[in-house]
Protein backbone atom coordinates (compact mmCIF):
# COMPACT_ATOMS: atom_id res chain seq x y z
CA MET A 1 119.13 86.95 148.54
CA ALA A 2 117.71 86.30 151.94
CA ARG A 3 116.45 82.88 151.04
CA ALA A 4 119.81 82.15 149.51
CA GLU A 5 121.47 82.99 152.97
CA ALA A 6 118.82 80.99 154.76
CA LEU A 7 119.18 77.98 152.73
CA LEU A 8 122.74 77.30 151.06
CA PRO A 9 124.87 77.51 153.77
CA ASP A 10 122.96 74.37 155.34
CA MET A 11 122.30 72.80 151.93
CA LEU A 12 126.16 73.14 150.76
CA GLY A 13 128.27 73.67 153.79
CA VAL A 14 129.27 77.01 152.52
CA SER A 15 129.86 80.54 153.97
CA ARG A 16 129.30 83.91 152.19
CA THR A 17 132.59 85.13 151.07
CA LYS A 18 131.49 88.17 149.03
CA SER A 19 128.39 90.34 148.68
CA SER A 20 127.05 93.31 147.03
CA GLY A 21 123.73 94.91 146.36
CA HIS A 22 123.09 92.29 143.71
CA SER A 23 124.87 89.44 144.20
CA SER A 24 126.57 86.99 146.79
CA THR A 25 129.43 84.46 146.77
CA TRP A 26 129.49 81.34 148.91
CA THR A 27 132.53 79.25 149.18
CA GLY A 28 132.89 75.74 150.82
CA GLU A 29 134.46 72.46 150.15
CA GLU A 30 132.07 71.61 147.20
CA GLY A 31 133.23 74.46 145.33
CA VAL A 32 131.99 78.03 144.72
CA VAL A 33 128.62 79.43 143.96
CA THR A 34 127.44 82.88 143.06
CA VAL A 35 123.52 83.97 143.17
CA THR A 36 122.84 87.42 141.40
CA ALA A 37 119.27 88.79 141.58
CA HIS A 38 117.99 91.63 139.69
CA ARG A 39 114.27 92.98 139.96
CA HIS A 40 112.39 93.88 136.55
CA GLY A 41 108.90 95.30 137.75
CA PRO A 42 107.14 92.36 139.25
CA TYR A 43 109.44 89.93 138.38
CA THR A 44 113.13 89.02 139.62
CA ASP A 45 115.76 87.30 137.68
CA VAL A 46 117.62 84.79 139.66
CA VAL A 47 121.00 83.40 138.30
CA ALA A 48 123.38 80.85 140.04
CA GLN A 49 126.57 80.18 138.70
CA THR A 50 128.96 77.55 140.05
CA ASP A 51 132.70 76.39 139.53
CA ARG A 52 131.70 72.65 139.08
CA LEU A 53 130.40 70.50 136.40
CA ARG A 54 126.44 69.79 136.02
CA THR A 55 126.66 66.78 137.23
CA SER A 56 128.24 67.84 140.55
CA ARG A 57 126.44 67.78 143.99
CA MET A 58 126.90 71.34 144.09
CA ASP A 59 124.71 71.98 141.05
CA TYR A 60 122.34 69.34 141.75
CA GLU A 61 121.84 71.39 145.34
CA VAL A 62 121.75 74.67 143.77
CA GLN A 63 118.86 73.63 141.18
CA LYS A 64 116.95 72.17 144.23
CA PHE A 65 117.52 75.91 145.73
CA LEU A 66 116.56 77.57 142.67
CA ASN A 67 113.22 75.18 142.25
CA ARG A 68 112.07 76.25 145.89
CA LEU A 69 111.88 79.84 144.52
CA PRO A 70 108.60 81.41 143.32
CA TYR A 71 108.02 81.31 139.61
CA GLU A 72 105.36 83.88 138.88
CA PRO A 73 104.27 86.92 141.14
CA GLY A 74 102.02 85.43 143.78
CA ASP A 75 103.42 81.95 143.72
CA ARG A 76 104.42 80.55 147.31
CA GLY A 77 107.56 78.63 145.79
CA GLY A 78 108.78 75.74 148.08
CA PRO A 79 109.80 72.34 147.63
CA GLY A 80 108.63 70.17 144.70
CA THR A 81 106.04 67.38 145.26
CA GLY A 82 108.87 64.64 145.46
CA GLU A 83 111.02 66.56 147.88
CA PRO A 84 110.74 66.41 151.67
CA SER A 85 109.51 70.18 152.95
């Protein structure tokens, strides 16, 4: 959730409008995105939902955000090889 708070406002021009122990919602001109995170042992399931179509700018940026997260324990995460740091 800390990474979402650090990255999503700049990526999407959104501000956090709601937060709980396992989820946060951000709202802006592009739409609404909710990120939930639930830990299961060494893994954490992260799900992002938007109120836009898959082809929207918001969905594209949310996909980029999710790709920056570590995939397995021990992974660093970060931008893909074709993306700027």
